[in-house]
Protein backbone atom coordinates (compact mmCIF):
# COMPACT_ATOMS: atom_id res chain seq x y z
CA MET A 1 0.00 0.00 0.00
CA LYS A 2 2.81 2.40 0.85
CA THR A 3 4.49 1.66 -2.46
CA LYS A 4 1.32 2.45 -4.33
CA ASN A 5 0.91 5.77 -2.50
CA LYS A 6 4.52 6.72 -3.24
CA ARG A 7 4.00 6.03 -6.91
CA LYS A 8 0.90 8.25 -6.99
CA ASN A 9 2.81 11.04 -5.25
CA ARG A 10 5.64 10.84 -7.79
CA GLU A 11 3.19 10.96 -10.69
CA ALA A 12 1.39 13.96 -9.21
CA PHE A 13 4.71 15.75 -8.63
CA ALA A 14 5.86 15.03 -12.21
CA GLU A 15 2.57 16.29 -13.61
CA HIS A 16 2.82 19.46 -11.49
CA SER A 17 6.43 20.09 -12.66
CA TYR A 18 5.38 19.61 -16.27
CA TRP A 19 2.64 22.23 -16.09
CA GLN A 20 4.90 24.62 -14.18
CA SER A 21 7.61 24.38 -16.89
CA TYR A 22 4.99 24.83 -19.60
CA SER A 23 3.67 28.01 -17.97
CA ASP A 24 7.22 29.38 -17.59
CA MET A 25 7.83 28.75 -21.28
CA MET A 26 4.59 30.53 -22.26
CA ALA A 27 5.52 33.51 -20.05
CA ALA A 28 8.93 33.73 -21.73
CA LEU A 29 7.33 33.60 -25.18
CA LEU A 30 4.92 36.36 -24.18
CA LEU A 31 7.84 38.49 -22.96
CA ILE A 32 9.65 37.97 -26.29
CA PHE A 33 6.55 39.03 -28.23
CA VAL A 34 6.24 42.17 -26.06
CA LEU A 35 9.91 43.03 -26.69
CA ILE A 36 9.50 42.51 -30.46
CA ILE A 37 6.45 44.80 -30.50
CA ALA A 38 8.29 47.47 -28.44
CA ILE A 39 11.34 47.38 -30.74
CA THR A 40 9.11 47.55 -33.83
CA LEU A 41 7.28 50.59 -32.43
CA ALA A 42 10.60 52.31 -31.61
CA ILE A 43 11.91 51.70 -35.14
CA TYR A 44 8.65 52.98 -36.63
CA LYS A 45 8.80 56.11 -34.49
CA GLN A 46 12.43 56.80 -35.52
CA LYS A 47 11.57 56.28 -39.21
CA THR A 48 8.67 58.71 -38.80
CA VAL A 49 11.00 61.33 -37.27
CA ASP A 50 13.55 60.79 -40.08
CA LEU A 51 10.80 61.20 -42.68
CA GLU A 52 9.60 64.44 -41.08
CA GLN A 53 13.18 65.80 -41.04
CA SER A 54 13.62 64.89 -44.71
CA GLN A 55 10.35 66.61 -45.56
CA ASN A 56 11.46 69.73 -43.65
CA SER A 57 14.79 69.80 -45.53
CA LEU A 58 12.95 69.40 -48.83
CA GLY A 59 10.66 72.27 -47.91
CA ILE A 60 13.64 74.53 -47.17
CA ALA A 61 15.30 73.58 -50.48
CA ARG A 62 12.07 74.33 -52.34
CA GLN A 63 11.78 77.72 -50.63
CA GLU A 64 15.37 78.53 -51.57
CA LEU A 65 14.66 77.58 -55.18
CA GLU A 66 11.57 79.80 -55.16
CA ASP A 67 13.63 82.72 -53.76
CA ALA A 68 16.25 82.17 -56.47
CA ARG A 69 13.54 82.21 -59.12
CA LYS A 70 12.19 85.49 -57.75
CA ASP A 71 15.69 87.00 -57.86
CA LEU A 72 16.04 85.83 -61.44
CA GLU A 73 12.74 87.47 -62.37
CA ASP A 74 13.93 90.75 -60.82
CA TYR A 75 17.14 90.62 -62.85
CA ARG A 76 15.21 89.75 -65.99
CA ALA A 77 12.93 92.72 -65.40
CA ALA A 78 15.96 95.01 -65.14
CA ILE A 79 17.40 93.59 -68.36
CA GLU A 80 14.07 93.96 -70.14
CA GLU A 81 13.93 97.58 -69.03
CA SER A 82 17.39 98.09 -70.49
CA ASN A 83 16.22 96.47 -73.72
CA ARG A 84 13.29 98.87 -73.87
CA GLU A 85 15.67 101.76 -73.39
CA LEU A 86 17.83 100.38 -76.18
CA ALA A 87 14.77 100.12 -78.42
CA SER A 88 13.88 103.69 -77.59
CA SER A 89 17.40 104.79 -78.47
CA LEU A 90 17.17 102.88 -81.72
CA ALA A 91 13.88 104.60 -82.55
CA GLU A 92 15.44 107.97 -81.89
CA LEU A 93 18.33 107.10 -84.16
CA GLN A 94 15.96 106.01 -86.89
CA GLN A 95 14.05 109.26 -86.58
CA ALA A 96 17.26 111.21 -86.70
CA TYR A 97 18.30 109.32 -89.80
CA ALA A 98 14.96 110.12 -91.41
CA ASN A 99 15.52 113.78 -90.65
CA ALA A 100 18.99 113.58 -92.16
CA ALA A 101 20.48 114.64 -88.81
CA LEU A 102 23.07 111.89 -88.91
CA THR A 103 25.41 110.90 -91.63
CA GLU A 104 25.46 107.29 -92.79
CA ASP A 105 28.77 106.63 -91.03
CA GLU A 106 27.49 108.01 -87.75
CA LEU A 107 24.33 105.96 -87.98
CA ASN A 108 26.27 102.77 -88.70
CA LYS A 109 28.48 103.46 -85.72
CA ALA A 110 25.45 103.99 -83.48
CA TYR A 111 23.84 100.77 -84.72
CA LEU A 112 27.07 98.90 -84.01
CA GLU A 113 27.25 100.25 -80.46
CA ILE A 114 23.65 99.26 -79.80
CA GLU A 115 24.18 95.78 -81.23
CA ASN A 116 27.29 95.29 -79.11
CA ALA A 117 25.41 96.41 -76.01
CA ARG A 118 22.53 94.06 -76.82
CA ASN A 119 24.93 91.13 -77.28
CA GLU A 120 26.62 91.93 -73.99
CA LEU A 121 23.28 92.07 -72.21
CA THR A 122 22.28 88.72 -73.70
CA ALA A 123 25.52 87.11 -72.56
CA THR A 124 25.16 88.69 -69.12
CA GLN A 125 21.60 87.42 -68.81
CA GLN A 126 22.75 83.89 -69.61
CA GLU A 127 25.51 84.11 -67.02
CA LEU A 128 22.99 85.42 -64.51
CA GLU A 129 20.63 82.50 -65.08
CA ASN A 130 23.54 80.12 -64.57
CA ILE A 131 24.76 81.77 -61.36
CA VAL A 132 21.29 81.96 -59.78
CA GLY A 133 20.68 78.24 -60.28
CA ILE A 134 24.20 77.01 -59.60
CA ARG A 135 23.97 77.16 -55.78
CA THR A 136 20.78 75.10 -55.81
CA ASP A 137 22.43 72.59 -58.17
CA ILE A 138 25.52 72.30 -55.95
CA ILE A 139 23.49 71.79 -52.77
CA GLY A 140 21.35 69.18 -54.52
CA ALA A 141 24.46 67.33 -55.72
CA LEU A 142 25.94 67.42 -52.20
CA GLN A 143 22.73 66.08 -50.65
CA SER A 144 22.68 63.25 -53.18
CA ALA A 145 26.33 62.40 -52.46
CA PHE A 146 25.68 62.27 -48.70
CA ASN A 147 22.30 60.54 -48.99
CA ASN A 148 23.58 57.35 -47.35
CA SER A 149 25.98 59.08 -44.95
CA ALA A 150 25.55 60.06 -41.31
CA MET A 151 26.80 63.54 -42.26
CA SER A 152 24.05 66.00 -43.25
CA VAL A 153 24.34 68.91 -45.70
CA ASP A 154 22.82 72.27 -44.75
CA ALA A 155 19.93 72.80 -47.16
CA GLN A 156 20.45 76.58 -47.28
CA THR A 157 24.24 76.98 -47.41
CA GLY A 158 25.52 73.56 -48.52
CA SER A 159 27.93 73.44 -45.57
CA ILE A 160 28.81 70.39 -43.46
CA THR A 161 29.62 70.51 -39.75
CA PHE A 162 31.90 68.31 -37.64
CA SER A 163 31.54 68.32 -33.86
CA SER A 164 34.91 69.25 -32.35
CA ASP A 165 34.32 66.57 -29.71
CA VAL A 166 34.44 64.02 -32.54
CA LEU A 167 37.63 65.38 -34.11
CA PHE A 168 39.66 66.58 -31.12
CA ARG A 169 40.18 66.05 -27.43
CA TYR A 170 38.94 68.89 -25.24
CA GLY A 171 41.19 71.94 -25.56
CA SER A 172 43.40 70.27 -28.19
CA ALA A 173 43.90 71.02 -31.90
CA ALA A 174 45.43 67.62 -32.75
CA LEU A 175 43.19 65.28 -34.72
CA THR A 176 42.47 61.98 -32.96
CA THR A 177 43.14 58.69 -34.72
CA ASP A 178 39.43 57.89 -34.95
CA SER A 179 38.63 61.31 -36.42
CA GLN A 180 41.12 60.82 -39.24
CA ALA A 181 39.16 57.82 -40.49
CA THR A 182 35.99 59.94 -40.48
CA LEU A 183 37.68 62.76 -42.40
CA ARG A 184 39.08 60.34 -45.00
CA GLU A 185 35.52 59.25 -45.72
CA ILE A 186 33.71 62.62 -45.66
CA ILE A 187 36.11 65.23 -47.07
CA PRO A 188 36.80 63.58 -50.47
CA MET A 189 33.03 63.15 -50.98
CA TYR A 190 32.40 66.84 -50.28
CA LEU A 191 35.28 68.24 -52.31
CA ASP A 192 34.70 65.88 -55.26
CA VAL A 193 31.27 67.49 -55.74
CA LEU A 194 32.53 71.07 -55.49
CA MET A 195 35.41 70.42 -57.88
CA GLN A 196 33.38 68.79 -60.63
CA ASP A 197 33.92 70.39 -64.05
CA ARG A 198 30.42 71.91 -64.09
CA PHE A 199 30.85 73.57 -60.67
CA ARG A 200 34.57 74.31 -60.32
CA ASP A 201 34.60 77.57 -62.30
CA TYR A 202 31.85 79.01 -60.08
CA ILE A 203 33.62 78.30 -56.77
CA ALA A 204 35.40 81.39 -55.45
CA GLU A 205 36.47 79.91 -52.11
CA ILE A 206 36.28 76.76 -49.98
CA ILE A 207 36.37 77.70 -46.30
CA ILE A 208 37.28 75.58 -43.27
CA GLU A 209 36.02 77.44 -40.21
CA GLY A 210 36.65 76.63 -36.55
CA HIS A 211 34.29 77.58 -33.69
CA THR A 212 34.51 77.16 -29.91
CA ASP A 213 32.24 77.40 -26.88
CA THR A 214 32.27 80.43 -24.56
CA ASP A 215 34.54 78.85 -21.95
CA GLY A 216 37.79 80.85 -21.63
CA SER A 217 38.99 84.11 -23.17
CA TYR A 218 38.13 85.27 -26.69
CA GLU A 219 41.81 85.37 -27.65
CA MET A 220 42.53 81.84 -26.41
CA ASN A 221 39.50 80.49 -28.25
CA MET A 222 40.45 82.42 -31.39
CA GLU A 223 43.79 80.62 -31.46
CA LEU A 224 42.20 77.25 -30.68
CA SER A 225 39.47 77.60 -33.33
CA TYR A 226 42.02 78.61 -35.99
CA ASP A 227 44.41 75.80 -35.07
CA ARG A 228 41.61 73.24 -35.31
CA ALA A 229 40.49 74.51 -38.71
CA TYR A 230 44.12 74.50 -39.87
CA SER A 231 44.54 70.88 -38.69
CA VAL A 232 41.61 69.84 -40.89
CA ALA A 233 42.96 71.86 -43.84
CA LYS A 234 46.41 70.33 -43.45
CA PHE A 235 44.81 66.88 -43.39
CA CYS A 236 42.99 67.69 -46.65
CA MET A 237 46.20 68.70 -48.38
CA ASP A 238 47.88 65.35 -47.71
CA SER A 239 47.47 63.03 -50.71
CA ARG A 240 47.44 60.01 -48.38
CA ASN A 241 44.02 61.09 -47.12
CA GLY A 242 41.91 60.56 -50.22
CA LEU A 243 42.53 63.49 -52.58
CA SER A 244 44.58 63.25 -55.75
CA GLU A 245 47.56 65.52 -56.35
CA GLU A 246 45.56 67.25 -59.09
CA LYS A 247 42.72 68.16 -56.72
CA ILE A 248 45.17 69.24 -54.03
CA GLU A 249 46.82 71.59 -56.53
CA GLN A 250 43.40 73.05 -57.40
CA LEU A 251 42.62 73.48 -53.69
CA ARG A 252 45.72 75.59 -53.14
CA GLY A 253 44.12 78.43 -55.06
CA ILE A 254 40.77 78.47 -53.25
CA LEU A 255 41.12 76.85 -49.79
CA THR A 256 41.12 79.23 -46.79
CA VAL A 257 41.10 78.74 -43.01
CA ASN A 258 39.22 80.87 -40.47
CA GLY A 259 39.05 80.87 -36.67
CA ARG A 260 35.88 82.45 -35.24
CA SER A 261 36.47 81.90 -31.49
CA TYR A 262 33.02 82.01 -29.82
CA SER A 263 31.66 84.81 -32.05
CA GLN A 264 28.98 82.49 -33.50
CA PRO A 265 27.81 80.17 -30.69
CA VAL A 266 24.95 77.70 -31.06
CA TYR A 267 22.01 78.32 -28.73
CA VAL A 268 19.74 75.80 -27.02
CA LYS A 269 16.27 75.69 -28.60
CA ASP A 270 12.98 75.65 -26.73
CA ALA A 271 10.10 73.23 -27.28
CA GLN A 272 8.92 75.26 -30.30
CA GLY A 273 12.36 75.13 -31.90
CA ASN A 274 13.20 78.77 -31.20
CA PRO A 275 16.70 79.66 -29.90
CA THR A 276 16.98 80.68 -26.25
CA ASP A 277 19.65 82.78 -24.50
CA GLN A 278 21.44 79.64 -23.28
CA VAL A 279 24.55 78.60 -25.22
CA ASP A 280 24.77 74.96 -26.29
CA MET A 281 28.40 74.46 -25.33
CA GLU A 282 28.84 71.07 -27.02
CA ALA A 283 27.20 72.10 -30.31
CA SER A 284 29.20 75.36 -30.36
CA ARG A 285 32.46 73.41 -30.48
CA ARG A 286 32.54 72.60 -34.18
CA VAL A 287 34.40 72.81 -37.49
CA GLU A 288 32.43 73.81 -40.59
CA ILE A 289 33.38 73.30 -44.24
CA LYS A 290 31.53 75.55 -46.68
CA PHE A 291 31.95 77.31 -50.02
CA ARG A 292 31.48 80.75 -51.55
CA LEU A 293 30.47 81.35 -55.17
CA LYS A 294 31.72 84.04 -57.53
CA GLU A 295 28.25 85.62 -57.50
CA ASP A 296 29.52 88.84 -55.92
CA GLU A 297 31.76 89.52 -58.92
CA MET A 298 28.88 88.58 -61.23
CA ILE A 299 26.45 91.01 -59.61
CA GLU A 300 29.01 93.81 -59.84
CA LYS A 301 29.44 93.11 -63.54
CA ILE A 302 25.68 93.25 -64.14
CA ALA A 303 25.39 96.54 -62.24
CA GLU A 304 28.21 98.00 -64.33
CA VAL A 305 26.54 97.00 -67.62
CA LEU A 306 23.18 98.42 -66.54
CA LYS A 307 24.84 101.65 -65.45
CA GLN A 308 26.50 102.01 -68.85
CA GLN A 309 23.13 101.58 -70.55
CA GLU A 310 21.61 104.32 -68.38
CA GLU A 311 24.38 106.68 -69.44
């Protein structure tokens, strides 16, 4: 009888252990499903944020294009006004010829001057259309080149920004070993776009600009920001770091280095995205690479031509 009772007890214990293990397994599976759902929701949320940021950048680029188009229309209006003035001058010359006030030689000379002016205006208008659209084209090409990169291109200026904490140790202007690998990847991509045949002639200057936070004196930070920008420039000019000797030679004529100390700090933004009075110390420590077009010289040339037509 005792043996029979012992056997029943063992069977009951085994059955109880079986169901306890089964419930533990089901609880573990439920926990795994919960984790999978949580991770999926986190990924979805991040993708949504990335999509919104991309849409915002696209909106800024579209606004810049619209502003450029408006500028082009203003310049076209000025050129059309000059053409009307030229037509008026031509009409006056024709009237004068009809009245025999001009000799044939004088009239031919006047016609030639007007034709030359018209040709110059036409060429200037074409250059203007090119220069207005070139910045948008360059920024678009840069964004395409960095589409799969962690580095982002400013949609308004086309600049890229490195955090100084990524490139340097605090207070130092010497590039870290890890930062050199980052620069070897990013800098050739950026400069290859700017120095394409269709863009190179429009680039007046490529600028490497260092910035610091507000800790310390202005003079000390001026030296530090310049030294950091110079370290990046010196890295660019070494052919072992991704640029060909040909591109390095081209860079020598347009590459400049600036140190801005803490004259342009980055400010913390509030919940609405508006800057506050509080300086973002980490974001302020940065090195920017940007470019300047020859548009200033172009605008001066247009103003000179229009002034000559008024005279």
